[in-house]
PDB file of N, CA and C in Angstrom:
ATOM      1  N   MET A   1       0.844  -1.167   0.000  1.00  0.00           N
ATOM      2  CA  MET A   1       0.000   0.000   0.000  1.00  0.00           C
ATOM      3  C   MET A   1       0.896   1.238   0.000  1.00  0.00           C
ATOM      4  N   VAL A   2       0.518   2.205  -0.809  1.00  0.00           N
ATOM      5  CA  VAL A   2       1.256   3.464  -0.895  1.00  0.00           C
ATOM      6  C   VAL A   2       0.327   4.577  -0.442  1.00  0.00           C
ATOM      7  N   ASP A   3       0.740   5.298   0.598  1.00  0.00           N
ATOM      8  CA  ASP A   3      -0.032   6.458   1.035  1.00  0.00           C
ATOM      9  C   ASP A   3       0.311   7.628   0.132  1.00  0.00           C
ATOM     10  N   SER A   4      -0.702   8.171  -0.526  1.00  0.00           N
ATOM     11  CA  SER A   4      -0.467   9.312  -1.397  1.00  0.00           C
ATOM     12  C   SER A   4      -1.759  10.104  -1.543  1.00  0.00           C
ATOM     13  N   PHE A   5      -1.674  11.207  -2.235  1.00  0.00           N
ATOM     14  CA  PHE A   5      -2.852  12.017  -2.492  1.00  0.00           C
ATOM     15  C   PHE A   5      -2.641  12.784  -3.787  1.00  0.00           C
ATOM     16  N   ALA A   6      -3.720  13.340  -4.278  1.00  0.00           N
ATOM     17  CA  ALA A   6      -3.654  14.187  -5.459  1.00  0.00           C
ATOM     18  C   ALA A   6      -4.583  15.378  -5.241  1.00  0.00           C
ATOM     19  N   ILE A   7      -4.204  16.499  -5.773  1.00  0.00           N
ATOM     20  CA  ILE A   7      -5.073  17.669  -5.745  1.00  0.00           C
ATOM     21  C   ILE A   7      -5.680  17.797  -7.133  1.00  0.00           C
ATOM     22  N   ILE A   8      -6.980  17.696  -7.178  1.00  0.00           N
ATOM     23  CA  ILE A   8      -7.688  17.814  -8.446  1.00  0.00           C
ATOM     24  C   ILE A   8      -8.066  19.274  -8.630  1.00  0.00           C
ATOM     25  N   THR A   9      -7.776  19.807  -9.802  1.00  0.00           N
ATOM     26  CA  THR A   9      -8.061  21.215 -10.058  1.00  0.00           C
ATOM     27  C   THR A   9      -9.108  21.357 -11.153  1.00  0.00           C
ATOM     28  N   THR A  10      -9.681  22.535 -11.192  1.00  0.00           N
ATOM     29  CA  THR A  10     -10.657  22.884 -12.215  1.00  0.00           C
ATOM     30  C   THR A  10     -10.381  24.328 -12.635  1.00  0.00           C
ATOM     31  N   VAL A  11     -11.277  24.918 -13.377  1.00  0.00           N
ATOM     32  CA  VAL A  11     -11.076  26.283 -13.850  1.00  0.00           C
ATOM     33  C   VAL A  11     -11.070  27.255 -12.675  1.00  0.00           C
ATOM     34  N   GLN A  12     -10.543  28.432 -12.897  1.00  0.00           N
ATOM     35  CA  GLN A  12     -10.438  29.427 -11.830  1.00  0.00           C
ATOM     36  C   GLN A  12     -11.808  29.966 -11.418  1.00  0.00           C
ATOM     37  N   ASN A  13     -11.864  30.440 -10.184  1.00  0.00           N
ATOM     38  CA  ASN A  13     -13.013  31.221  -9.734  1.00  0.00           C
ATOM     39  C   ASN A  13     -12.523  32.657  -9.538  1.00  0.00           C
ATOM     40  N   LYS A  14     -13.346  33.544  -8.979  1.00  0.00           N
ATOM     41  CA  LYS A  14     -12.950  34.953  -8.847  1.00  0.00           C
ATOM     42  C   LYS A  14     -11.742  35.132  -7.925  1.00  0.00           C
ATOM     43  N   ILE A  15     -11.629  34.303  -6.893  1.00  0.00           N
ATOM     44  CA  ILE A  15     -10.499  34.429  -5.967  1.00  0.00           C
ATOM     45  C   ILE A  15      -9.201  34.010  -6.643  1.00  0.00           C
ATOM     46  N   THR A  16      -9.191  32.855  -7.288  1.00  0.00           N
ATOM     47  CA  THR A  16      -7.946  32.416  -7.934  1.00  0.00           C
ATOM     48  C   THR A  16      -7.613  33.303  -9.133  1.00  0.00           C
ATOM     49  N   ALA A  17      -8.619  33.859  -9.783  1.00  0.00           N
ATOM     50  CA  ALA A  17      -8.354  34.807 -10.875  1.00  0.00           C
ATOM     51  C   ALA A  17      -7.708  36.072 -10.325  1.00  0.00           C
ATOM     52  N   ALA A  18      -8.148  36.520  -9.144  1.00  0.00           N
ATOM     53  CA  ALA A  18      -7.602  37.745  -8.545  1.00  0.00           C
ATOM     54  C   ALA A  18      -6.143  37.586  -8.140  1.00  0.00           C
ATOM     55  N   ILE A  19      -5.712  36.360  -7.855  1.00  0.00           N
ATOM     56  CA  ILE A  19      -4.290  36.140  -7.537  1.00  0.00           C
ATOM     57  C   ILE A  19      -3.537  35.654  -8.772  1.00  0.00           C
ATOM     58  N   ASP A  20      -4.172  35.856  -9.930  1.00  0.00           N
ATOM     59  CA  ASP A  20      -3.557  35.555 -11.225  1.00  0.00           C
ATOM     60  C   ASP A  20      -3.183  34.088 -11.376  1.00  0.00           C
ATOM     61  N   HIS A  21      -4.123  33.225 -11.013  1.00  0.00           N
ATOM     62  CA  HIS A  21      -3.908  31.790 -11.178  1.00  0.00           C
ATOM     63  C   HIS A  21      -4.999  31.253 -12.102  1.00  0.00           C
ATOM     64  N   HIS A  22      -4.633  30.378 -13.017  1.00  0.00           N
ATOM     65  CA  HIS A  22      -5.565  29.920 -14.049  1.00  0.00           C
ATOM     66  C   HIS A  22      -6.433  28.725 -13.628  1.00  0.00           C
ATOM     67  N   ARG A  23      -6.249  28.225 -12.444  1.00  0.00           N
ATOM     68  CA  ARG A  23      -7.064  27.098 -11.988  1.00  0.00           C
ATOM     69  C   ARG A  23      -7.280  27.193 -10.487  1.00  0.00           C
ATOM     70  N   SER A  24      -8.214  26.408  -9.986  1.00  0.00           N
ATOM     71  CA  SER A  24      -8.457  26.366  -8.540  1.00  0.00           C
ATOM     72  C   SER A  24      -8.694  24.919  -8.124  1.00  0.00           C
ATOM     73  N   PRO A  25      -8.435  24.603  -6.862  1.00  0.00           N
ATOM     74  CA  PRO A  25      -8.640  23.221  -6.412  1.00  0.00           C
ATOM     75  C   PRO A  25     -10.123  22.890  -6.347  1.00  0.00           C
ATOM     76  N   VAL A  26     -10.439  21.643  -6.595  1.00  0.00           N
ATOM     77  CA  VAL A  26     -11.811  21.174  -6.404  1.00  0.00           C
ATOM     78  C   VAL A  26     -12.018  20.974  -4.912  1.00  0.00           C
ATOM     79  N   ILE A  27     -13.023  21.629  -4.371  1.00  0.00           N
ATOM     80  CA  ILE A  27     -13.382  21.475  -2.969  1.00  0.00           C
ATOM     81  C   ILE A  27     -14.826  20.985  -2.946  1.00  0.00           C
ATOM     82  N   LEU A  28     -15.028  19.839  -2.341  1.00  0.00           N
ATOM     83  CA  LEU A  28     -16.379  19.272  -2.313  1.00  0.00           C
ATOM     84  C   LEU A  28     -17.199  19.863  -1.172  1.00  0.00           C
ATOM     85  N   HIS A  29     -18.471  20.086  -1.445  1.00  0.00           N
ATOM     86  CA  HIS A  29     -19.399  20.420  -0.375  1.00  0.00           C
ATOM     87  C   HIS A  29     -19.637  19.143   0.431  1.00  0.00           C
ATOM     88  N   GLU A  30     -19.901  19.272   1.705  1.00  0.00           N
ATOM     89  CA  GLU A  30     -20.055  18.105   2.579  1.00  0.00           C
ATOM     90  C   GLU A  30     -21.096  17.120   2.043  1.00  0.00           C
ATOM     91  N   GLU A  31     -22.183  17.638   1.487  1.00  0.00           N
ATOM     92  CA  GLU A  31     -23.245  16.747   0.984  1.00  0.00           C
ATOM     93  C   GLU A  31     -22.822  15.965  -0.266  1.00  0.00           C
ATOM     94  N   ASP A  32     -21.718  16.358  -0.902  1.00  0.00           N
ATOM     95  CA  ASP A  32     -21.240  15.656  -2.099  1.00  0.00           C
ATOM     96  C   ASP A  32     -20.147  14.631  -1.798  1.00  0.00           C
ATOM     97  N   GLU A  33     -19.663  14.581  -0.579  1.00  0.00           N
ATOM     98  CA  GLU A  33     -18.546  13.688  -0.254  1.00  0.00           C
ATOM     99  C   GLU A  33     -18.894  12.225  -0.484  1.00  0.00           C
ATOM    100  N   GLN A  34     -20.073  11.813  -0.083  1.00  0.00           N
ATOM    101  CA  GLN A  34     -20.451  10.400  -0.260  1.00  0.00           C
ATOM    102  C   GLN A  34     -20.637  10.051  -1.733  1.00  0.00           C
ATOM    103  N   VAL A  35     -21.099  10.997  -2.533  1.00  0.00           N
ATOM    104  CA  VAL A  35     -21.206  10.761  -3.982  1.00  0.00           C
ATOM    105  C   VAL A  35     -19.817  10.516  -4.543  1.00  0.00           C
ATOM    106  N   TRP A  36     -18.861  11.339  -4.138  1.00  0.00           N
ATOM    107  CA  TRP A  36     -17.485  11.216  -4.620  1.00  0.00           C
ATOM    108  C   TRP A  36     -16.881   9.861  -4.258  1.00  0.00           C
ATOM    109  N   LEU A  37     -17.169   9.379  -3.058  1.00  0.00           N
ATOM    110  CA  LEU A  37     -16.573   8.132  -2.582  1.00  0.00           C
ATOM    111  C   LEU A  37     -17.315   6.878  -3.041  1.00  0.00           C
ATOM    112  N   ASN A  38     -18.487   7.011  -3.606  1.00  0.00           N
ATOM    113  CA  ASN A  38     -19.302   5.872  -4.028  1.00  0.00           C
ATOM    114  C   ASN A  38     -18.764   5.298  -5.335  1.00  0.00           C
ATOM    115  N   SER A  39     -18.184   4.114  -5.276  1.00  0.00           N
ATOM    116  CA  SER A  39     -17.605   3.492  -6.478  1.00  0.00           C
ATOM    117  C   SER A  39     -18.662   3.028  -7.471  1.00  0.00           C
ATOM    118  N   GLU A  40     -19.919   2.978  -7.064  1.00  0.00           N
ATOM    119  CA  GLU A  40     -21.010   2.572  -7.954  1.00  0.00           C
ATOM    120  C   GLU A  40     -21.587   3.752  -8.754  1.00  0.00           C
ATOM    121  N   MET A  41     -21.182   4.963  -8.401  1.00  0.00           N
ATOM    122  CA  MET A  41     -21.727   6.160  -9.034  1.00  0.00           C
ATOM    123  C   MET A  41     -21.229   6.267 -10.470  1.00  0.00           C
ATOM    124  N   PRO A  42     -22.126   6.567 -11.416  1.00  0.00           N
ATOM    125  CA  PRO A  42     -21.686   6.740 -12.812  1.00  0.00           C
ATOM    126  C   PRO A  42     -20.662   7.879 -12.920  1.00  0.00           C
ATOM    127  N   LEU A  43     -19.689   7.700 -13.778  1.00  0.00           N
ATOM    128  CA  LEU A  43     -18.608   8.660 -13.938  1.00  0.00           C
ATOM    129  C   LEU A  43     -19.134  10.058 -14.262  1.00  0.00           C
ATOM    130  N   ALA A  44     -20.171  10.155 -15.053  1.00  0.00           N
ATOM    131  CA  ALA A  44     -20.719  11.472 -15.422  1.00  0.00           C
ATOM    132  C   ALA A  44     -21.201  12.234 -14.196  1.00  0.00           C
ATOM    133  N   GLU A  45     -21.795  11.529 -13.227  1.00  0.00           N
ATOM    134  CA  GLU A  45     -22.273  12.202 -12.010  1.00  0.00           C
ATOM    135  C   GLU A  45     -21.107  12.631 -11.119  1.00  0.00           C
ATOM    136  N   VAL A  46     -20.073  11.836 -11.096  1.00  0.00           N
ATOM    137  CA  VAL A  46     -18.903  12.178 -10.295  1.00  0.00           C
ATOM    138  C   VAL A  46     -18.188  13.389 -10.897  1.00  0.00           C
ATOM    139  N   THR A  47     -18.012  13.395 -12.206  1.00  0.00           N
ATOM    140  CA  THR A  47     -17.310  14.518 -12.832  1.00  0.00           C
ATOM    141  C   THR A  47     -18.126  15.808 -12.779  1.00  0.00           C
ATOM    142  N   ASP A  48     -19.427  15.717 -12.574  1.00  0.00           N
ATOM    143  CA  ASP A  48     -20.241  16.924 -12.390  1.00  0.00           C
ATOM    144  C   ASP A  48     -19.834  17.680 -11.126  1.00  0.00           C
ATOM    145  N   LEU A  49     -19.150  17.021 -10.202  1.00  0.00           N
ATOM    146  CA  LEU A  49     -18.711  17.651  -8.951  1.00  0.00           C
ATOM    147  C   LEU A  49     -17.452  18.505  -9.139  1.00  0.00           C
ATOM    148  N   LEU A  50     -16.815  18.409 -10.295  1.00  0.00           N
ATOM    149  CA  LEU A  50     -15.547  19.104 -10.527  1.00  0.00           C
ATOM    150  C   LEU A  50     -15.775  20.551 -10.957  1.00  0.00           C
ATOM    151  N   GLU A  51     -16.450  21.285 -10.122  1.00  0.00           N
ATOM    152  CA  GLU A  51     -16.778  22.689 -10.371  1.00  0.00           C
ATOM    153  C   GLU A  51     -15.956  23.578  -9.446  1.00  0.00           C
ATOM    154  N   PRO A  52     -15.697  24.817  -9.853  1.00  0.00           N
ATOM    155  CA  PRO A  52     -15.005  25.739  -8.945  1.00  0.00           C
ATOM    156  C   PRO A  52     -15.851  25.987  -7.707  1.00  0.00           C
ATOM    157  N   TYR A  53     -15.212  26.058  -6.566  1.00  0.00           N
ATOM    158  CA  TYR A  53     -15.909  26.354  -5.307  1.00  0.00           C
ATOM    159  C   TYR A  53     -16.374  27.805  -5.351  1.00  0.00           C
ATOM    160  N   PRO A  54     -17.530  28.121  -4.778  1.00  0.00           N
ATOM    161  CA  PRO A  54     -18.025  29.503  -4.821  1.00  0.00           C
ATOM    162  C   PRO A  54     -17.006  30.482  -4.217  1.00  0.00           C
ATOM    163  N   SER A  55     -16.615  31.479  -4.990  1.00  0.00           N
ATOM    164  CA  SER A  55     -15.571  32.405  -4.543  1.00  0.00           C
ATOM    165  C   SER A  55     -15.991  33.231  -3.336  1.00  0.00           C
ATOM    166  N   GLU A  56     -17.289  33.451  -3.149  1.00  0.00           N
ATOM    167  CA  GLU A  56     -17.725  34.219  -1.978  1.00  0.00           C
ATOM    168  C   GLU A  56     -17.522  33.452  -0.672  1.00  0.00           C
ATOM    169  N   GLU A  57     -17.205  32.175  -0.751  1.00  0.00           N
ATOM    170  CA  GLU A  57     -16.936  31.375   0.446  1.00  0.00           C
ATOM    171  C   GLU A  57     -15.435  31.178   0.682  1.00  0.00           C
ATOM    172  N   LEU A  58     -14.605  31.844  -0.123  1.00  0.00           N
ATOM    173  CA  LEU A  58     -13.153  31.704  -0.017  1.00  0.00           C
ATOM    174  C   LEU A  58     -12.487  33.059   0.177  1.00  0.00           C
ATOM    175  N   ASN A  59     -11.250  33.021   0.589  1.00  0.00           N
ATOM    176  CA  ASN A  59     -10.437  34.209   0.682  1.00  0.00           C
ATOM    177  C   ASN A  59      -8.986  33.787   0.453  1.00  0.00           C
ATOM    178  N   ALA A  60      -8.098  34.736   0.290  1.00  0.00           N
ATOM    179  CA  ALA A  60      -6.696  34.419   0.045  1.00  0.00           C
ATOM    180  C   ALA A  60      -5.826  35.501   0.659  1.00  0.00           C
ATOM    181  N   TYR A  61      -4.589  35.136   0.983  1.00  0.00           N
ATOM    182  CA  TYR A  61      -3.597  36.093   1.450  1.00  0.00           C
ATOM    183  C   TYR A  61      -2.227  35.597   1.021  1.00  0.00           C
ATOM    184  N   ALA A  62      -1.309  36.517   0.929  1.00  0.00           N
ATOM    185  CA  ALA A  62       0.045  36.186   0.485  1.00  0.00           C
ATOM    186  C   ALA A  62       0.778  35.360   1.548  1.00  0.00           C
ATOM    187  N   ILE A  63       1.565  34.395   1.067  1.00  0.00           N
ATOM    188  CA  ILE A  63       2.454  33.622   1.935  1.00  0.00           C
ATOM    189  C   ILE A  63       3.859  33.671   1.324  1.00  0.00           C
ATOM    190  N   SER A  64       4.823  33.148   2.014  1.00  0.00           N
ATOM    191  CA  SER A  64       6.211  33.203   1.583  1.00  0.00           C
ATOM    192  C   SER A  64       6.416  32.502   0.233  1.00  0.00           C
ATOM    193  N   ALA A  65       7.200  33.117  -0.624  1.00  0.00           N
ATOM    194  CA  ALA A  65       7.549  32.513  -1.914  1.00  0.00           C
ATOM    195  C   ALA A  65       8.424  31.278  -1.720  1.00  0.00           C
ATOM    196  N   ALA A  66       8.976  31.093  -0.526  1.00  0.00           N
ATOM    197  CA  ALA A  66       9.806  29.918  -0.242  1.00  0.00           C
ATOM    198  C   ALA A  66       9.000  28.625  -0.338  1.00  0.00           C
ATOM    199  N   ILE A  67       7.686  28.731  -0.308  1.00  0.00           N
ATOM    200  CA  ILE A  67       6.837  27.534  -0.403  1.00  0.00           C
ATOM    201  C   ILE A  67       7.038  26.818  -1.740  1.00  0.00           C
ATOM    202  N   LYS A  68       7.523  27.520  -2.735  1.00  0.00           N
ATOM    203  CA  LYS A  68       7.712  26.938  -4.073  1.00  0.00           C
ATOM    204  C   LYS A  68       8.918  26.013  -4.146  1.00  0.00           C
ATOM    205  N   SER A  69       9.812  26.094  -3.174  1.00  0.00           N
ATOM    206  CA  SER A  69      11.025  25.288  -3.201  1.00  0.00           C
ATOM    207  C   SER A  69      10.809  23.956  -2.480  1.00  0.00           C
ATOM    208  N   PRO A  70      11.114  22.845  -3.131  1.00  0.00           N
ATOM    209  CA  PRO A  70      10.986  21.549  -2.461  1.00  0.00           C
ATOM    210  C   PRO A  70      11.994  21.358  -1.329  1.00  0.00           C
ATOM    211  N   LYS A  71      12.986  22.243  -1.234  1.00  0.00           N
ATOM    212  CA  LYS A  71      13.993  22.142  -0.178  1.00  0.00           C
ATOM    213  C   LYS A  71      13.509  22.736   1.144  1.00  0.00           C
ATOM    214  N   THR A  72      12.447  23.511   1.108  1.00  0.00           N
ATOM    215  CA  THR A  72      11.950  24.131   2.336  1.00  0.00           C
ATOM    216  C   THR A  72      10.750  23.365   2.860  1.00  0.00           C
ATOM    217  N   ASN A  73      10.585  23.426   4.177  1.00  0.00           N
ATOM    218  CA  ASN A  73       9.500  22.692   4.806  1.00  0.00           C
ATOM    219  C   ASN A  73       9.190  23.357   6.142  1.00  0.00           C
ATOM    220  N   GLY A  74       7.933  23.303   6.555  1.00  0.00           N
ATOM    221  CA  GLY A  74       7.574  23.811   7.869  1.00  0.00           C
ATOM    222  C   GLY A  74       6.309  24.652   7.843  1.00  0.00           C
ATOM    223  N   PRO A  75       5.642  24.727   8.982  1.00  0.00           N
ATOM    224  CA  PRO A  75       4.379  25.461   9.055  1.00  0.00           C
ATOM    225  C   PRO A  75       4.545  26.971   8.876  1.00  0.00           C
ATOM    226  N   GLU A  76       5.751  27.496   9.122  1.00  0.00           N
ATOM    227  CA  GLU A  76       5.960  28.935   8.961  1.00  0.00           C
ATOM    228  C   GLU A  76       5.754  29.391   7.516  1.00  0.00           C
ATOM    229  N   LEU A  77       5.859  28.462   6.569  1.00  0.00           N
ATOM    230  CA  LEU A  77       5.650  28.806   5.162  1.00  0.00           C
ATOM    231  C   LEU A  77       4.199  29.180   4.869  1.00  0.00           C
ATOM    232  N   LEU A  78       3.290  28.775   5.731  1.00  0.00           N
ATOM    233  CA  LEU A  78       1.867  29.040   5.517  1.00  0.00           C
ATOM    234  C   LEU A  78       1.361  30.264   6.273  1.00  0.00           C
ATOM    235  N   ARG A  79       2.239  30.918   7.022  1.00  0.00           N
ATOM    236  CA  ARG A  79       1.809  32.101   7.779  1.00  0.00           C
ATOM    237  C   ARG A  79       1.602  33.278   6.830  1.00  0.00           C
ATOM    238  N   PRO A  80       0.510  34.008   7.008  1.00  0.00           N
ATOM    239  CA  PRO A  80       0.257  35.165   6.136  1.00  0.00           C
ATOM    240  C   PRO A  80       1.366  36.204   6.241  1.00  0.00           C
ATOM    241  N   ILE A  81       1.718  36.789   5.098  1.00  0.00           N
ATOM    242  CA  ILE A  81       2.700  37.876   5.093  1.00  0.00           C
ATOM    243  C   ILE A  81       2.073  39.160   4.554  1.00  0.00           C
ATOM    244  N   GLY A  82       0.776  39.140   4.350  1.00  0.00           N
ATOM    245  CA  GLY A  82       0.089  40.316   3.838  1.00  0.00           C
ATOM    246  C   GLY A  82      -1.369  40.304   4.249  1.00  0.00           C
ATOM    247  N   GLN A  83      -2.091  41.274   3.748  1.00  0.00           N
ATOM    248  CA  GLN A  83      -3.515  41.391   4.054  1.00  0.00           C
ATOM    249  C   GLN A  83      -4.318  40.390   3.235  1.00  0.00           C
ATOM    250  N   ARG A  84      -5.509  40.093   3.713  1.00  0.00           N
ATOM    251  CA  ARG A  84      -6.415  39.221   2.965  1.00  0.00           C
ATOM    252  C   ARG A  84      -6.841  39.916   1.673  1.00  0.00           C
ATOM    253  N   LEU A  85      -7.116  39.116   0.663  1.00  0.00           N
ATOM    254  CA  LEU A  85      -7.548  39.653  -0.620  1.00  0.00           C
ATOM    255  C   LEU A  85      -8.888  40.369  -0.486  1.00  0.00           C
ATOM    256  N   VAL A  86      -9.810  39.756   0.228  1.00  0.00           N
ATOM    257  CA  VAL A  86     -11.132  40.339   0.451  1.00  0.00           C
ATOM    258  C   VAL A  86     -11.233  40.683   1.934  1.00  0.00           C
ATOM    259  N   PRO A  87     -11.398  41.967   2.267  1.00  0.00           N
ATOM    260  CA  PRO A  87     -11.521  42.319   3.687  1.00  0.00           C
ATOM    261  C   PRO A  87     -12.702  41.587   4.313  1.00  0.00           C
ATOM    262  N   GLU A  88     -12.491  41.027   5.488  1.00  0.00           N
ATOM    263  CA  GLU A  88     -13.543  40.249   6.125  1.00  0.00           C
ATOM    264  C   GLU A  88     -14.329  41.040   7.158  1.00  0.00           C
ATOM    265  N   TYR A  89     -13.826  42.212   7.537  1.00  0.00           N
ATOM    266  CA  TYR A  89     -14.498  43.002   8.557  1.00  0.00           C
ATOM    267  C   TYR A  89     -14.545  44.453   8.104  1.00  0.00           C
ATOM    268  N   ASP A  90     -15.629  45.101   8.434  1.00  0.00           N
ATOM    269  CA  ASP A  90     -15.719  46.541   8.240  1.00  0.00           C
ATOM    270  C   ASP A  90     -15.447  47.200   9.583  1.00  0.00           C
ATOM    271  N   TYR A  91     -14.620  48.226   9.571  1.00  0.00           N
ATOM    272  CA  TYR A  91     -14.277  48.916  10.799  1.00  0.00           C
ATOM    273  C   TYR A  91     -14.785  50.349  10.749  1.00  0.00           C
ATOM    274  N   GLU A  92     -15.249  50.819  11.876  1.00  0.00           N
ATOM    275  CA  GLU A  92     -15.578  52.220  12.043  1.00  0.00           C
ATOM    276  C   GLU A  92     -14.706  52.744  13.162  1.00  0.00           C
ATOM    277  N   ILE A  93     -14.044  53.836  12.908  1.00  0.00           N
ATOM    278  CA  ILE A  93     -13.171  54.419  13.914  1.00  0.00           C
ATOM    279  C   ILE A  93     -13.862  55.652  14.477  1.00  0.00           C
ATOM    280  N   TYR A  94     -14.014  55.660  15.775  1.00  0.00           N
ATOM    281  CA  TYR A  94     -14.635  56.791  16.458  1.00  0.00           C
ATOM    282  C   TYR A  94     -13.545  57.639  17.088  1.00  0.00           C
ATOM    283  N   SER A  95     -13.657  58.946  16.920  1.00  0.00           N
ATOM    284  CA  SER A  95     -12.641  59.816  17.491  1.00  0.00           C
ATOM    285  C   SER A  95     -13.100  60.437  18.806  1.00  0.00           C
ATOM    286  N   HIS A  96     -14.361  60.263  19.172  1.00  0.00           N
ATOM    287  CA  HIS A  96     -14.859  60.851  20.409  1.00  0.00           C
ATOM    288  C   HIS A  96     -14.667  59.874  21.563  1.00  0.00           C
ATOM    289  N   LEU A  97     -13.933  60.305  22.543  1.00  0.00           N
ATOM    290  CA  LEU A  97     -13.745  59.507  23.740  1.00  0.00           C
ATOM    291  C   LEU A  97     -14.157  60.361  24.936  1.00  0.00           C
ATOM    292  N   SER A  98     -14.725  59.733  25.919  1.00  0.00           N
ATOM    293  CA  SER A  98     -15.053  60.474  27.139  1.00  0.00           C
ATOM    294  C   SER A  98     -14.762  59.595  28.341  1.00  0.00           C
ATOM    295  N   LEU A  99     -14.305  60.218  29.372  1.00  0.00           N
ATOM    296  CA  LEU A  99     -14.001  59.520  30.608  1.00  0.00           C
ATOM    297  C   LEU A  99     -15.170  59.725  31.553  1.00  0.00           C
ATOM    298  N   GLN A 100     -15.723  58.611  32.006  1.00  0.00           N
ATOM    299  CA  GLN A 100     -16.850  58.685  32.925  1.00  0.00           C
ATOM    300  C   GLN A 100     -16.513  57.903  34.169  1.00  0.00           C
ATOM    301  N   GLY A 101     -17.126  58.291  35.237  1.00  0.00           N
ATOM    302  CA  GLY A 101     -16.890  57.599  36.482  1.00  0.00           C
ATOM    303  C   GLY A 101     -16.799  58.601  37.604  1.00  0.00           C
ATOM    304  N   MET A 102     -16.577  58.121  38.762  1.00  0.00           N
ATOM    305  CA  MET A 102     -16.487  58.969  39.935  1.00  0.00           C
ATOM    306  C   MET A 102     -17.737  59.842  40.055  1.00  0.00           C
ATOM    307  N   GLY A 103     -18.885  59.279  39.682  1.00  0.00           N
ATOM    308  CA  GLY A 103     -20.152  59.979  39.846  1.00  0.00           C
ATOM    309  C   GLY A 103     -20.514  60.909  38.705  1.00  0.00           C
ATOM    310  N   MET A 104     -19.671  61.064  37.666  1.00  0.00           N
ATOM    311  CA  MET A 104     -19.981  61.978  36.576  1.00  0.00           C
ATOM    312  C   MET A 104     -20.554  61.176  35.408  1.00  0.00           C
ATOM    313  N   THR A 105     -21.863  61.095  35.352  1.00  0.00           N
ATOM    314  CA  THR A 105     -22.536  60.404  34.259  1.00  0.00           C
ATOM    315  C   THR A 105     -22.959  61.443  33.227  1.00  0.00           C
ATOM    316  N   GLN A 106     -23.388  60.979  32.080  1.00  0.00           N
ATOM    317  CA  GLN A 106     -23.843  61.908  31.048  1.00  0.00           C
ATOM    318  C   GLN A 106     -25.062  62.691  31.530  1.00  0.00           C
ATOM    319  N   ALA A 107     -25.962  62.055  32.269  1.00  0.00           N
ATOM    320  CA  ALA A 107     -27.146  62.744  32.789  1.00  0.00           C
ATOM    321  C   ALA A 107     -26.738  63.838  33.776  1.00  0.00           C
ATOM    322  N   ARG A 108     -25.791  63.547  34.660  1.00  0.00           N
ATOM    323  CA  ARG A 108     -25.332  64.550  35.628  1.00  0.00           C
ATOM    324  C   ARG A 108     -24.623  65.706  34.917  1.00  0.00           C
ATOM    325  N   GLN A 109     -23.848  65.383  33.875  1.00  0.00           N
ATOM    326  CA  GLN A 109     -23.162  66.428  33.117  1.00  0.00           C
ATOM    327  C   GLN A 109     -24.171  67.345  32.442  1.00  0.00           C
ATOM    328  N   ARG A 110     -25.245  66.774  31.882  1.00  0.00           N
ATOM    329  CA  ARG A 110     -26.287  67.605  31.265  1.00  0.00           C
ATOM    330  C   ARG A 110     -26.903  68.549  32.284  1.00  0.00           C
ATOM    331  N   LYS A 111     -27.161  68.040  33.509  1.00  0.00           N
ATOM    332  CA  LYS A 111     -27.715  68.897  34.566  1.00  0.00           C
ATOM    333  C   LYS A 111     -26.748  70.028  34.888  1.00  0.00           C
ATOM    334  N   LEU A 112     -25.463  69.728  34.976  1.00  0.00           N
ATOM    335  CA  LEU A 112     -24.478  70.769  35.255  1.00  0.00           C
ATOM    336  C   LEU A 112     -24.433  71.797  34.119  1.00  0.00           C
ATOM    337  N   ASP A 113     -24.518  71.296  32.878  1.00  0.00           N
ATOM    338  CA  ASP A 113     -24.503  72.192  31.735  1.00  0.00           C
ATOM    339  C   ASP A 113     -25.719  73.105  31.718  1.00  0.00           C
ATOM    340  N   LEU A 114     -26.845  72.620  32.233  1.00  0.00           N
ATOM    341  CA  LEU A 114     -28.074  73.423  32.287  1.00  0.00           C
ATOM    342  C   LEU A 114     -28.143  74.308  33.543  1.00  0.00           C
ATOM    343  N   GLY A 115     -27.191  74.153  34.412  1.00  0.00           N
ATOM    344  CA  GLY A 115     -27.121  74.999  35.589  1.00  0.00           C
ATOM    345  C   GLY A 115     -27.869  74.478  36.799  1.00  0.00           C
ATOM    346  N   PHE A 116     -28.155  73.211  36.830  1.00  0.00           N
ATOM    347  CA  PHE A 116     -28.867  72.623  37.999  1.00  0.00           C
ATOM    348  C   PHE A 116     -27.894  72.200  39.052  1.00  0.00           C
TER     349      PHE A 116
END
């Protein structure tokens, strides 16, 4: 027995196109896994699964170019070295800060401002 694997690819989706790659890996949806593994399934039905994964469910970020060398190895090669291709969070930055406490609440401040 030989332990091995293969990565099956298909045409690019929007994410792989954005990183200038002409193909993307086939990623099965969980509900399709048993179809893929069923040796009785007609070949036409199995090959129908070889579609690009929906790009809105993926993201990408730059990693070290050292990953291309067969002489290098290690998990550090997979650490991001740049920002994600598609921002995953929207941020709002507020510039107003106020210190409250020691009995000075916004309601008490309003009373003081009104002269009470």
